[in-house]
Amino acid sequence: MKNLSLAFTPCPNDTFMFYGIVHGKVSMDFSISTTMKDVEALNQAAKDSLFDISKLSCFAFGSVADKYTILRSGAALGRGCGPLLLCKEGKKMDKSSWIAIPGEMTTAHLLLRLFLGEKAKTKIMPFDQIMPAMQRGDIDYGVVIHEGRFTYPSYGLSCVQDLGIFWEQTYQLPIPLGIIAGKKECGKKTLESFENALSQSIVYAWQNRELVYPYVKEYAQEMQEKVISSHIDLYVTKESQRWSEEGKKALCLLLQKAMEYKMIKEFPIESCFIE
């Protein structure tokens, strides 16, 4: 039996989706070894092809498209789910100020660039440290992802711009945030087998939430069940089970914009997915 190295984040949407695979609740013709890391750490690891199957930011995929292909299951893509550009309450946005971002290769960074229309003065920080740093006054502006969408008011922060809404209103498409990518060298048959198992794992999680939640809570940054539930409902959608044509169109446009801003090298976008 083939063994695959699998890497995803400890965020609720990922642990929710992968529960069935990790715990053997779906049929698989392969075994797995699992690693959990922050999404930017996974983005960087993909440059060295460290994992067979890995969660990646959509933007980051553009830098490793020669090595990886996008699986048709596992996407974080939808509406009203984008990163938020925040500031301390009472401040006005100053484009000359430093802005904390959760990683150079994150989709959040690309969206910030598209929103500002120019390079920003950015400081890279782990996503879970950005709001505490802003609360302390270490930095005035920050782009937050994941649970930050639900908890930022408790840190005394205000939303300058919902970068997902900016994308949706500008391009009339859902916002593509994260993908599951597989090494091309694994072969089409193996990757298709994995994406089918992941699709089954997502359905299992939807149907067995009470069994899945303890595993999700074990790794979640935010322990309130209401926040965890909202996080899952927002980021695990029908697009997660299987990409739609609209979703693919949104991803292709995002990568095209990254090329236009010379943030990634040009490559044939139409070859992203397993076909």
Protein backbone atom coordinates (compact mmCIF):
# COMPACT_ATOMS: atom_id res chain seq x y z
CA MET A 1 0.00 0.00 0.00
CA LYS A 2 1.37 3.40 -1.00
CA ASN A 3 2.10 5.85 1.84
CA LEU A 4 1.38 9.53 1.27
CA SER A 5 2.69 12.40 3.36
CA LEU A 6 -0.22 14.73 4.10
CA ALA A 7 0.07 18.25 5.52
CA PHE A 8 -2.71 20.63 6.53
CA THR A 9 -3.30 23.39 9.06
CA PRO A 10 -4.73 23.04 12.58
CA CYS A 11 -7.55 25.43 11.62
CA PRO A 12 -11.11 24.12 12.14
CA ASN A 13 -11.98 23.90 8.45
CA ASP A 14 -8.99 21.66 7.73
CA THR A 15 -9.25 19.39 10.76
CA PHE A 16 -12.98 19.09 10.06
CA MET A 17 -12.43 18.09 6.42
CA PHE A 18 -9.58 15.67 7.09
CA TYR A 19 -11.05 13.92 10.13
CA GLY A 20 -12.43 11.03 8.10
CA ILE A 21 -9.11 10.42 6.35
CA VAL A 22 -7.00 10.73 9.50
CA HIS A 23 -9.29 8.41 11.49
CA GLY A 24 -9.90 5.83 8.77
CA LYS A 25 -13.59 6.61 8.32
CA VAL A 26 -13.45 6.50 4.52
CA SER A 27 -12.19 3.85 2.11
CA MET A 28 -8.61 4.43 0.96
CA ASP A 29 -6.12 2.40 -1.05
CA PHE A 30 -3.18 4.22 0.54
CA SER A 31 -1.83 4.97 4.01
CA ILE A 32 -0.93 8.45 5.25
CA SER A 33 1.52 10.18 7.54
CA THR A 34 0.13 13.49 8.80
CA THR A 35 1.76 16.85 9.63
CA MET A 36 0.04 20.04 10.83
CA LYS A 37 1.61 23.45 10.25
CA ASP A 38 0.60 27.09 9.77
CA VAL A 39 -0.45 27.76 6.16
CA GLU A 40 2.55 29.98 5.42
CA ALA A 41 4.88 27.24 6.69
CA LEU A 42 3.16 24.88 4.25
CA ASN A 43 3.47 27.43 1.45
CA GLN A 44 7.22 27.60 2.06
CA ALA A 45 7.54 23.81 2.42
CA ALA A 46 5.95 23.33 -1.00
CA LYS A 47 8.90 25.10 -2.61
CA ASP A 48 10.98 22.09 -1.57
CA SER A 49 8.21 19.57 -2.35
CA LEU A 50 8.26 18.32 1.24
CA PHE A 51 4.77 16.79 1.26
CA ASP A 52 2.90 14.63 -1.25
CA ILE A 53 -0.44 16.28 -0.43
CA SER A 54 -0.57 19.74 1.14
CA LYS A 55 -2.87 22.61 2.01
CA LEU A 56 -1.65 25.76 0.25
CA SER A 57 -2.76 29.34 -0.18
CA CYS A 58 -4.23 29.83 -3.66
CA PHE A 59 -1.67 32.55 -4.33
CA ALA A 60 1.21 30.30 -3.21
CA PHE A 61 0.22 27.63 -5.70
CA GLY A 62 1.40 29.89 -8.49
CA SER A 63 4.97 29.51 -7.25
CA VAL A 64 4.90 25.69 -7.24
CA ALA A 65 2.64 24.92 -10.20
CA ASP A 66 5.51 23.10 -11.92
CA LYS A 67 5.60 20.55 -9.08
CA TYR A 68 2.00 20.36 -7.84
CA THR A 69 -1.51 20.10 -9.23
CA ILE A 70 -4.74 21.22 -7.56
CA LEU A 71 -7.09 18.55 -6.26
CA ARG A 72 -10.78 19.10 -6.98
CA SER A 73 -11.71 18.63 -3.32
CA GLY A 74 -10.69 20.54 -0.20
CA ALA A 75 -10.92 24.15 -1.36
CA ALA A 76 -11.53 27.11 0.92
CA LEU A 77 -13.54 29.23 -1.48
CA GLY A 78 -16.75 31.17 -1.13
CA ARG A 79 -18.35 34.52 -0.42
CA GLY A 80 -18.12 36.65 2.69
CA CYS A 81 -15.09 34.70 3.87
CA GLY A 82 -12.10 36.82 2.86
CA PRO A 83 -9.29 38.30 4.97
CA LEU A 84 -9.88 41.55 6.85
CA LEU A 85 -7.64 44.60 6.91
CA LEU A 86 -7.84 45.90 10.48
CA CYS A 87 -6.64 48.89 12.46
CA LYS A 88 -6.81 50.04 16.05
CA GLU A 89 -10.11 51.73 16.84
CA GLY A 90 -10.04 55.44 16.10
CA LYS A 91 -7.22 55.30 13.53
CA LYS A 92 -7.59 56.13 9.87
CA MET A 93 -5.86 54.13 7.17
CA ASP A 94 -2.45 55.46 6.21
CA LYS A 95 -0.99 53.63 3.22
CA SER A 96 2.54 54.62 4.24
CA SER A 97 2.27 52.66 7.52
CA TRP A 98 3.52 49.14 8.15
CA ILE A 99 0.91 46.41 7.80
CA ALA A 100 1.21 42.98 9.43
CA ILE A 101 0.41 40.08 7.08
CA PRO A 102 0.16 36.33 7.84
CA GLY A 103 2.77 35.38 5.23
CA GLU A 104 4.37 36.57 2.02
CA MET A 105 2.80 33.77 -0.01
CA THR A 106 -0.69 33.96 1.48
CA THR A 107 -3.72 34.91 -0.57
CA ALA A 108 -4.29 37.62 2.06
CA HIS A 109 -1.05 39.31 0.94
CA LEU A 110 -2.09 39.24 -2.71
CA LEU A 111 -5.53 40.66 -1.91
CA LEU A 112 -3.96 43.47 0.10
CA ARG A 113 -1.77 44.31 -2.90
CA LEU A 114 -4.78 44.32 -5.22
CA PHE A 115 -6.76 46.52 -2.82
CA LEU A 116 -4.00 49.09 -2.35
CA GLY A 117 -2.98 48.99 -6.00
CA GLU A 118 0.66 49.23 -5.00
CA LYS A 119 3.26 47.58 -2.79
CA ALA A 120 2.63 47.94 0.92
CA LYS A 121 5.16 48.12 3.73
CA THR A 122 4.48 44.72 5.20
CA LYS A 123 5.69 42.87 8.26
CA ILE A 124 5.26 39.10 8.26
CA MET A 125 3.85 37.61 11.45
CA PRO A 126 2.18 34.29 12.38
CA PHE A 127 -1.55 34.82 11.87
CA ASP A 128 -2.39 34.17 15.52
CA GLN A 129 0.04 36.88 16.70
CA ILE A 130 -1.25 39.74 14.57
CA MET A 131 -4.26 40.81 16.65
CA PRO A 132 -2.43 40.57 20.02
CA ALA A 133 0.38 42.68 18.54
CA MET A 134 -2.12 45.28 17.36
CA GLN A 135 -3.84 45.27 20.75
CA ARG A 136 -0.49 45.97 22.43
CA GLY A 137 0.19 48.80 20.01
CA ASP A 138 3.19 47.10 18.39
CA ILE A 139 1.68 47.67 14.97
CA ASP A 140 -1.30 49.74 13.83
CA TYR A 141 -2.57 47.75 10.85
CA GLY A 142 -2.89 44.06 10.10
CA VAL A 143 -4.51 41.57 7.75
CA VAL A 144 -6.20 38.74 9.63
CA ILE A 145 -7.50 35.37 8.46
CA HIS A 146 -9.25 32.35 9.98
CA GLU A 147 -10.93 32.95 13.35
CA GLY A 148 -9.86 36.60 13.34
CA ARG A 149 -12.92 37.38 11.25
CA PHE A 150 -15.11 36.52 14.22
CA THR A 151 -13.02 37.72 17.19
CA TYR A 152 -11.30 40.98 16.17
CA PRO A 153 -13.76 43.33 18.00
CA SER A 154 -12.71 41.80 21.32
CA TYR A 155 -9.18 43.10 20.66
CA GLY A 156 -10.39 46.69 20.26
CA LEU A 157 -9.88 46.60 16.48
CA SER A 158 -11.88 47.99 13.58
CA CYS A 159 -12.26 46.72 10.02
CA VAL A 160 -10.80 49.07 7.41
CA GLN A 161 -11.71 46.78 4.50
CA ASP A 162 -13.08 43.29 4.03
CA LEU A 163 -10.66 42.18 1.31
CA GLY A 164 -12.97 39.36 0.27
CA ILE A 165 -15.84 41.79 -0.31
CA PHE A 166 -13.43 44.01 -2.27
CA TRP A 167 -12.63 41.04 -4.52
CA GLU A 168 -16.28 40.00 -4.90
CA GLN A 169 -17.50 43.49 -5.77
CA THR A 170 -14.62 44.15 -8.16
CA TYR A 171 -14.69 40.88 -10.08
CA GLN A 172 -18.17 39.45 -9.34
CA LEU A 173 -16.69 36.12 -8.31
CA PRO A 174 -16.27 34.16 -5.06
CA ILE A 175 -12.94 34.55 -3.28
CA PRO A 176 -10.48 31.63 -3.64
CA LEU A 177 -8.40 31.37 -0.46
CA GLY A 178 -6.90 27.92 -0.05
CA ILE A 179 -6.48 24.69 -1.99
CA ILE A 180 -5.29 21.14 -1.50
CA ALA A 181 -2.43 20.35 -3.87
CA GLY A 182 -0.78 17.07 -4.78
CA LYS A 183 2.66 16.36 -6.19
CA LYS A 184 2.49 15.61 -9.89
CA GLU A 185 5.02 12.82 -9.41
CA CYS A 186 2.46 10.91 -7.31
CA GLY A 187 0.59 10.19 -10.52
CA LYS A 188 -2.93 10.96 -11.69
CA LYS A 189 -4.45 7.73 -10.39
CA THR A 190 -3.13 8.24 -6.85
CA LEU A 191 -4.15 11.91 -6.72
CA GLU A 192 -7.64 11.15 -8.00
CA SER A 193 -7.96 8.42 -5.37
CA PHE A 194 -6.97 10.87 -2.66
CA GLU A 195 -9.33 13.62 -3.80
CA ASN A 196 -12.21 11.13 -3.84
CA ALA A 197 -11.32 10.05 -0.30
CA LEU A 198 -11.23 13.69 0.78
CA SER A 199 -14.64 14.31 -0.77
CA GLN A 200 -15.98 11.35 1.23
CA SER A 201 -14.25 12.64 4.36
CA ILE A 202 -16.00 16.01 4.03
CA VAL A 203 -19.40 14.33 3.67
CA TYR A 204 -18.63 12.15 6.71
CA ALA A 205 -17.80 15.25 8.77
CA TRP A 206 -21.02 17.00 7.74
CA GLN A 207 -23.00 13.93 8.77
CA ASN A 208 -21.12 13.29 12.05
CA ARG A 209 -20.31 16.70 13.53
CA GLU A 210 -20.63 15.53 17.12
CA LEU A 211 -17.91 12.93 16.53
CA VAL A 212 -15.62 15.30 14.64
CA TYR A 213 -15.78 18.34 16.96
CA PRO A 214 -13.52 16.99 19.76
CA TYR A 215 -10.72 16.53 17.21
CA VAL A 216 -11.33 20.02 15.79
CA LYS A 217 -11.29 21.60 19.26
CA GLU A 218 -8.03 19.86 20.12
CA TYR A 219 -6.19 22.05 17.63
CA ALA A 220 -8.34 25.20 17.34
CA GLN A 221 -6.91 28.58 18.34
CA GLU A 222 -10.33 29.76 19.43
CA MET A 223 -12.11 27.32 21.74
CA GLN A 224 -15.62 28.78 21.75
CA GLU A 225 -17.85 26.26 19.99
CA LYS A 226 -19.92 29.02 18.37
CA VAL A 227 -16.79 30.47 16.75
CA ILE A 228 -15.58 27.04 15.65
CA SER A 229 -18.97 26.20 14.17
CA SER A 230 -19.17 29.54 12.34
CA HIS A 231 -15.65 29.02 11.02
CA ILE A 232 -16.51 25.60 9.60
CA ASP A 233 -19.80 26.74 8.07
CA LEU A 234 -18.05 29.66 6.37
CA TYR A 235 -15.05 27.82 4.94
CA VAL A 236 -16.31 24.27 4.31
CA THR A 237 -18.83 24.53 1.50
CA LYS A 238 -20.00 22.64 -1.58
CA GLU A 239 -16.91 24.08 -3.28
CA SER A 240 -14.85 22.21 -0.69
CA GLN A 241 -16.38 18.92 -1.71
CA ARG A 242 -15.94 19.64 -5.41
CA TRP A 243 -14.80 22.75 -7.30
CA SER A 244 -17.42 24.39 -9.49
CA GLU A 245 -16.67 26.00 -12.85
CA GLU A 246 -17.25 29.41 -11.23
CA GLY A 247 -14.75 28.51 -8.53
CA LYS A 248 -12.16 27.51 -11.12
CA LYS A 249 -12.75 30.78 -12.96
CA ALA A 250 -12.16 32.72 -9.74
CA LEU A 251 -8.90 30.88 -9.06
CA CYS A 252 -7.63 31.43 -12.59
CA LEU A 253 -8.37 35.15 -12.32
CA LEU A 254 -6.60 35.40 -8.96
CA LEU A 255 -3.48 33.78 -10.39
CA GLN A 256 -3.69 35.96 -13.50
CA LYS A 257 -3.77 39.07 -11.29
CA ALA A 258 -0.70 37.80 -9.41
CA MET A 259 1.09 37.48 -12.74
CA GLU A 260 0.03 40.97 -13.82
CA TYR A 261 1.46 42.40 -10.60
CA LYS A 262 4.62 40.32 -11.21
CA MET A 263 4.20 38.55 -7.86
CA ILE A 264 4.56 35.14 -9.55
CA LYS A 265 6.08 33.98 -12.82
CA GLU A 266 3.80 33.29 -15.75
CA PHE A 267 2.67 29.70 -16.28
CA PRO A 268 -0.23 27.97 -18.12
CA ILE A 269 -3.07 28.43 -15.64
CA GLU A 270 -5.36 26.07 -17.52
CA SER A 271 -3.12 23.17 -16.42
CA CYS A 272 -3.72 23.74 -12.67
CA PHE A 273 -6.23 20.96 -12.07
CA ILE A 274 -6.19 17.21 -12.51
CA GLU A 275 -8.08 16.56 -15.73
